Every structure is written in structure tokens, then in C-alpha cells.
Amino acid sequence: MKKVLFVLVLVGGIFALSGCAKECKCTVKVNDKVVSEDTIKLDDGEKCSDFNNYKSLFGVSGEVKCSPIFF
């Protein structure tokens, strides 16, 4: 019973922290090669996934992928 309670608390903590990130680490790739990494600060109501983007044109692909920084 204690193990089940521990797992539930752990999962709840993960979900609680997922909405608390105030900064994101963003990686910019062109043709799957990293060209830039940067940290951005979020305003109220923004999520890291709001900045994710992918475009492809004439054989050149570009991608911005952002993930939250919790600690």
C-alpha cells in the first residue's frame, strides 16, 4: 500500500511541476544539425511547446524544439 501511495504522489508531483517551468531550452536545427541553443523566459500563460516549429522548403528543413527547464 505504501508503494502505491508513493507512486501516486510521485506522478502527481511530476504533473504539478510540468506547469511550473518559467524557462525553456530551445534548440534550432537546420537539416538535423544543431546551429543554435538558447534559453528563453516564459511570460504568463506561455508554454515551451508554443515555440516548437518545423518548416521544410526546397530540401532544406528547419526545426525549433523547446523543452522546459525545471531546476
C-alpha atoms as a PDB file:
ATOM      1  CA  MET A   1       0.000   0.000   0.000  1.00  0.00           C
ATOM      2  CA  LYS A   2       2.853   2.382   0.796  1.00  0.00           C
ATOM      3  CA  LYS A   3       4.420   1.739  -2.608  1.00  0.00           C
ATOM      4  CA  VAL A   4       1.170   2.572  -4.405  1.00  0.00           C
ATOM      5  CA  LEU A   5       0.801   5.785  -2.418  1.00  0.00           C
ATOM      6  CA  PHE A   6       4.425   6.703  -3.151  1.00  0.00           C
ATOM      7  CA  VAL A   7       3.919   6.175  -6.895  1.00  0.00           C
ATOM      8  CA  LEU A   8       0.740   8.274  -6.879  1.00  0.00           C
ATOM      9  CA  VAL A   9       2.491  11.114  -5.053  1.00  0.00           C
ATOM     10  CA  LEU A  10       5.443  10.914  -7.440  1.00  0.00           C
ATOM     11  CA  VAL A  11       3.222  11.028 -10.546  1.00  0.00           C
ATOM     12  CA  GLY A  12       1.210  13.907  -9.060  1.00  0.00           C
ATOM     13  CA  GLY A  13       4.432  15.809  -8.382  1.00  0.00           C
ATOM     14  CA  ILE A  14       5.579  15.371 -11.957  1.00  0.00           C
ATOM     15  CA  PHE A  15       2.290  16.749 -13.285  1.00  0.00           C
ATOM     16  CA  ALA A  16       2.421  19.635 -10.831  1.00  0.00           C
ATOM     17  CA  LEU A  17       5.946  20.596 -11.893  1.00  0.00           C
ATOM     18  CA  SER A  18       5.199  20.358 -15.602  1.00  0.00           C
ATOM     19  CA  GLY A  19       3.171  23.568 -15.452  1.00  0.00           C
ATOM     20  CA  CYS A  20       5.664  25.473 -13.290  1.00  0.00           C
ATOM     21  CA  ALA A  21       8.564  25.861 -15.691  1.00  0.00           C
ATOM     22  CA  LYS A  22       9.438  29.520 -16.221  1.00  0.00           C
ATOM     23  CA  GLU A  23      12.289  28.929 -18.678  1.00  0.00           C
ATOM     24  CA  CYS A  24      12.776  26.779 -21.763  1.00  0.00           C
ATOM     25  CA  LYS A  25      15.850  25.478 -23.509  1.00  0.00           C
ATOM     26  CA  CYS A  26      15.354  25.833 -27.245  1.00  0.00           C
ATOM     27  CA  THR A  27      17.404  24.101 -29.923  1.00  0.00           C
ATOM     28  CA  VAL A  28      17.453  25.257 -33.546  1.00  0.00           C
ATOM     29  CA  LYS A  29      18.341  22.660 -36.173  1.00  0.00           C
ATOM     30  CA  VAL A  30      18.851  23.021 -39.918  1.00  0.00           C
ATOM     31  CA  ASN A  31      18.914  19.736 -41.838  1.00  0.00           C
ATOM     32  CA  ASP A  32      19.151  17.875 -38.484  1.00  0.00           C
ATOM     33  CA  LYS A  33      22.324  19.745 -37.452  1.00  0.00           C
ATOM     34  CA  VAL A  34      22.221  21.904 -34.324  1.00  0.00           C
ATOM     35  CA  VAL A  35      23.000  25.504 -35.230  1.00  0.00           C
ATOM     36  CA  SER A  36      21.890  27.249 -32.031  1.00  0.00           C
ATOM     37  CA  GLU A  37      20.828  26.597 -28.433  1.00  0.00           C
ATOM     38  CA  ASP A  38      19.313  29.262 -26.239  1.00  0.00           C
ATOM     39  CA  THR A  39      17.291  29.724 -23.068  1.00  0.00           C
ATOM     40  CA  ILE A  40      14.111  31.791 -23.129  1.00  0.00           C
ATOM     41  CA  LYS A  41      11.947  33.084 -20.281  1.00  0.00           C
ATOM     42  CA  LEU A  42       8.220  32.471 -20.472  1.00  0.00           C
ATOM     43  CA  ASP A  43       5.535  35.084 -19.897  1.00  0.00           C
ATOM     44  CA  ASP A  44       2.306  34.223 -18.064  1.00  0.00           C
ATOM     45  CA  GLY A  45       0.220  31.712 -19.976  1.00  0.00           C
ATOM     46  CA  GLU A  46       3.012  30.643 -22.351  1.00  0.00           C
ATOM     47  CA  LYS A  47       4.277  27.073 -22.702  1.00  0.00           C
ATOM     48  CA  CYS A  48       7.526  25.773 -24.137  1.00  0.00           C
ATOM     49  CA  SER A  49       5.597  23.874 -26.786  1.00  0.00           C
ATOM     50  CA  ASP A  50       4.230  27.195 -28.115  1.00  0.00           C
ATOM     51  CA  PHE A  51       7.675  27.846 -29.621  1.00  0.00           C
ATOM     52  CA  ASN A  52       8.114  24.445 -31.322  1.00  0.00           C
ATOM     53  CA  ASN A  53       8.123  24.783 -35.097  1.00  0.00           C
ATOM     54  CA  TYR A  54       9.155  22.834 -38.207  1.00  0.00           C
ATOM     55  CA  LYS A  55       9.434  24.062 -41.786  1.00  0.00           C
ATOM     56  CA  SER A  56      10.765  22.447 -44.951  1.00  0.00           C
ATOM     57  CA  LEU A  57      11.338  24.190 -48.277  1.00  0.00           C
ATOM     58  CA  PHE A  58      13.273  23.099 -51.350  1.00  0.00           C
ATOM     59  CA  GLY A  59      15.038  20.287 -49.496  1.00  0.00           C
ATOM     60  CA  VAL A  60      16.122  22.424 -46.547  1.00  0.00           C
ATOM     61  CA  SER A  61      14.414  21.726 -43.236  1.00  0.00           C
ATOM     62  CA  GLY A  62      14.445  23.897 -40.143  1.00  0.00           C
ATOM     63  CA  GLU A  63      13.215  22.993 -36.685  1.00  0.00           C
ATOM     64  CA  VAL A  64      12.880  24.786 -33.356  1.00  0.00           C
ATOM     65  CA  LYS A  65      12.326  22.467 -30.385  1.00  0.00           C
ATOM     66  CA  CYS A  66      11.874  23.824 -26.856  1.00  0.00           C
ATOM     67  CA  SER A  67      11.753  21.856 -23.617  1.00  0.00           C
ATOM     68  CA  PRO A  68      11.074  23.088 -20.077  1.00  0.00           C
ATOM     69  CA  ILE A  69      13.812  23.691 -17.518  1.00  0.00           C
ATOM     70  CA  PHE A  70      12.513  22.719 -14.082  1.00  0.00           C
ATOM     71  CA  PHE A  71      15.522  23.258 -11.808  1.00  0.00           C
END
